[in-house]
Each structure stands twice: as structure tokens, then as C-alpha cells.
């Protein structure tokens, strides 16, 4: 392993861990009138994922 030490994410401080929040939404005919509607729902989903990840770090 090129002399590098394998570290469990449990051994890292919260600010040392890499994470990514994602939000996914698909176009729903009859509900969405423009692409902005889809992006708003994707953004809301990403925010919910972000909140859940922060709560998980505190546990």
C-alpha cells in the first residue's frame, strides 16, 4: 500500500471525513411545469440528505 496507513472513518474527526449529499428528482408530468420545479425538488431532497448525514455524525 505504498507505505500509507489504512484508516477507518471511525478513527477520523468529523471535519476529516469526506461526505457528499445528493438530491435526485425526475420530471413528473402534470406536477412539473418547468425544469425549475424539478430542480427545486432535487435541491430539497439534497437538503434532507444533508440533515440526515449531520444527525448521523452526532450519534
N, C-alpha and C. Protein backbone atom coordinates (compact mmCIF):
# COMPACT_ATOMS: atom_id res chain seq x y z
N UNK A 1 0.81 -1.19 0.00
CA UNK A 1 0.00 0.00 0.00
C UNK A 1 0.86 1.27 0.00
N UNK A 2 1.99 1.24 -0.63
CA UNK A 2 2.85 2.41 -0.75
C UNK A 2 3.16 3.08 0.58
N UNK A 3 3.22 2.34 1.65
CA UNK A 3 3.58 2.90 2.93
C UNK A 3 2.48 3.70 3.61
N UNK A 4 1.31 3.78 3.00
CA UNK A 4 0.23 4.55 3.63
C UNK A 4 -0.52 3.67 4.62
N UNK A 5 -1.05 4.30 5.63
CA UNK A 5 -1.78 3.60 6.67
C UNK A 5 -3.28 3.62 6.36
N UNK A 6 -3.91 2.48 6.44
CA UNK A 6 -5.34 2.40 6.23
C UNK A 6 -6.04 2.89 7.50
N UNK A 7 -6.96 3.83 7.34
CA UNK A 7 -7.65 4.41 8.49
C UNK A 7 -9.15 4.21 8.33
N UNK A 8 -9.76 3.73 9.36
CA UNK A 8 -11.21 3.61 9.38
C UNK A 8 -11.81 4.99 9.53
N UNK A 9 -12.98 5.22 8.93
CA UNK A 9 -13.64 6.52 9.10
C UNK A 9 -14.01 6.75 10.56
N UNK A 10 -14.10 5.70 11.34
CA UNK A 10 -14.40 5.86 12.76
C UNK A 10 -13.24 6.48 13.52
N UNK A 11 -12.02 6.34 12.97
CA UNK A 11 -10.83 6.91 13.61
C UNK A 11 -10.65 8.39 13.30
N UNK A 12 -11.42 8.92 12.36
CA UNK A 12 -11.27 10.31 11.93
C UNK A 12 -12.19 11.25 12.70
N UNK A 13 -11.77 12.47 12.82
CA UNK A 13 -12.61 13.51 13.40
C UNK A 13 -13.68 13.89 12.36
N UNK A 14 -14.82 14.43 12.79
CA UNK A 14 -15.88 14.78 11.83
C UNK A 14 -15.40 15.68 10.70
N UNK A 15 -14.50 16.61 10.96
CA UNK A 15 -14.04 17.52 9.91
C UNK A 15 -13.05 16.86 8.96
N UNK A 16 -12.59 15.66 9.29
CA UNK A 16 -11.65 14.94 8.43
C UNK A 16 -12.36 13.97 7.49
N UNK A 17 -13.62 13.74 7.70
CA UNK A 17 -14.38 12.79 6.88
C UNK A 17 -14.92 13.47 5.63
N UNK A 18 -14.87 12.76 4.54
CA UNK A 18 -15.41 13.27 3.29
C UNK A 18 -16.82 12.72 3.12
N UNK A 19 -17.75 13.61 2.75
CA UNK A 19 -19.12 13.17 2.52
C UNK A 19 -19.72 14.00 1.40
N UNK A 20 -20.79 13.51 0.83
CA UNK A 20 -21.49 14.24 -0.22
C UNK A 20 -22.99 14.00 -0.07
N UNK A 21 -23.74 15.06 -0.12
CA UNK A 21 -25.20 14.97 -0.09
C UNK A 21 -25.70 15.08 -1.52
N UNK A 22 -26.65 14.24 -1.88
CA UNK A 22 -27.20 14.30 -3.23
C UNK A 22 -28.71 14.43 -3.16
N UNK A 23 -29.26 15.00 -4.20
CA UNK A 23 -30.71 15.09 -4.32
C UNK A 23 -31.11 14.69 -5.72
N UNK A 24 -32.05 13.80 -5.83
CA UNK A 24 -32.48 13.30 -7.13
C UNK A 24 -33.97 13.53 -7.28
N UNK A 25 -34.34 14.04 -8.44
CA UNK A 25 -35.76 14.21 -8.76
C UNK A 25 -35.93 13.95 -10.25
N UNK A 26 -37.05 13.41 -10.62
CA UNK A 26 -37.36 13.18 -12.03
C UNK A 26 -38.56 14.01 -12.43
N UNK A 27 -38.64 14.31 -13.69
CA UNK A 27 -39.75 15.09 -14.23
C UNK A 27 -41.06 14.32 -14.03
N UNK A 28 -42.05 15.00 -13.49
CA UNK A 28 -43.37 14.40 -13.29
C UNK A 28 -44.41 15.20 -14.08
N UNK A 29 -44.87 14.63 -15.20
CA UNK A 29 -45.89 15.33 -15.99
C UNK A 29 -47.12 15.63 -15.14
N UNK A 30 -47.68 16.79 -15.31
CA UNK A 30 -48.85 17.17 -14.54
C UNK A 30 -48.50 17.85 -13.24
N UNK A 31 -47.32 17.58 -12.72
CA UNK A 31 -46.85 18.21 -11.48
C UNK A 31 -45.85 19.32 -11.78
N UNK A 32 -44.95 19.04 -12.71
CA UNK A 32 -43.89 19.99 -13.04
C UNK A 32 -44.29 20.80 -14.27
N UNK A 33 -44.15 22.11 -14.15
CA UNK A 33 -44.47 22.98 -15.29
C UNK A 33 -43.21 23.47 -16.00
N UNK A 34 -42.04 23.32 -15.32
CA UNK A 34 -40.77 23.74 -15.92
C UNK A 34 -39.63 22.98 -15.24
N UNK A 35 -38.43 23.12 -15.79
CA UNK A 35 -37.28 22.42 -15.22
C UNK A 35 -36.97 22.93 -13.81
N UNK A 36 -37.29 24.17 -13.54
CA UNK A 36 -37.04 24.73 -12.21
C UNK A 36 -37.80 23.96 -11.12
N UNK A 37 -38.99 23.47 -11.43
CA UNK A 37 -39.77 22.67 -10.48
C UNK A 37 -39.01 21.40 -10.09
N UNK A 38 -38.42 20.76 -11.09
CA UNK A 38 -37.66 19.52 -10.85
C UNK A 38 -36.42 19.84 -10.02
N UNK A 39 -35.72 20.91 -10.38
CA UNK A 39 -34.51 21.28 -9.65
C UNK A 39 -34.81 21.66 -8.20
N UNK A 40 -35.93 22.31 -7.97
CA UNK A 40 -36.31 22.65 -6.59
C UNK A 40 -36.54 21.40 -5.76
N UNK A 41 -37.19 20.39 -6.35
CA UNK A 41 -37.41 19.14 -5.60
C UNK A 41 -36.10 18.41 -5.38
N UNK A 42 -35.19 18.44 -6.35
CA UNK A 42 -33.88 17.81 -6.17
C UNK A 42 -33.10 18.52 -5.07
N UNK A 43 -33.17 19.84 -5.04
CA UNK A 43 -32.49 20.61 -4.01
C UNK A 43 -33.05 20.29 -2.63
N UNK A 44 -34.37 20.16 -2.53
CA UNK A 44 -34.99 19.82 -1.25
C UNK A 44 -34.55 18.43 -0.79
N UNK A 45 -34.46 17.49 -1.74
CA UNK A 45 -34.01 16.14 -1.40
C UNK A 45 -32.56 16.15 -0.94
N UNK A 46 -31.73 16.98 -1.57
CA UNK A 46 -30.33 17.09 -1.17
C UNK A 46 -30.24 17.66 0.25
N UNK A 47 -31.04 18.66 0.56
CA UNK A 47 -31.02 19.25 1.88
C UNK A 47 -31.43 18.22 2.95
N UNK A 48 -32.44 17.41 2.65
CA UNK A 48 -32.87 16.37 3.60
C UNK A 48 -31.74 15.37 3.83
N UNK A 49 -31.03 15.01 2.76
CA UNK A 49 -29.91 14.08 2.87
C UNK A 49 -28.80 14.69 3.73
N UNK A 50 -28.55 15.96 3.53
CA UNK A 50 -27.52 16.67 4.30
C UNK A 50 -27.86 16.68 5.79
N UNK A 51 -29.11 16.98 6.12
CA UNK A 51 -29.55 16.99 7.51
C UNK A 51 -29.40 15.61 8.13
N UNK A 52 -29.76 14.57 7.39
CA UNK A 52 -29.65 13.20 7.89
C UNK A 52 -28.18 12.82 8.13
N UNK A 53 -27.29 13.25 7.24
CA UNK A 53 -25.87 12.93 7.43
C UNK A 53 -25.31 13.64 8.65
N UNK A 54 -25.71 14.89 8.89
CA UNK A 54 -25.23 15.60 10.07
C UNK A 54 -25.74 14.94 11.35
N UNK A 55 -26.98 14.49 11.35
CA UNK A 55 -27.54 13.81 12.53
C UNK A 55 -26.79 12.51 12.79
N UNK A 56 -26.43 11.81 11.72
CA UNK A 56 -25.69 10.54 11.85
C UNK A 56 -24.31 10.77 12.45
N UNK A 57 -23.67 11.87 12.11
CA UNK A 57 -22.34 12.18 12.65
C UNK A 57 -22.39 12.44 14.14
N UNK A 58 -23.51 12.96 14.62
CA UNK A 58 -23.64 13.29 16.04
C UNK A 58 -23.91 12.06 16.90
N UNK A 59 -24.37 10.99 16.27
CA UNK A 59 -24.70 9.77 17.03
C UNK A 59 -23.46 9.06 17.51
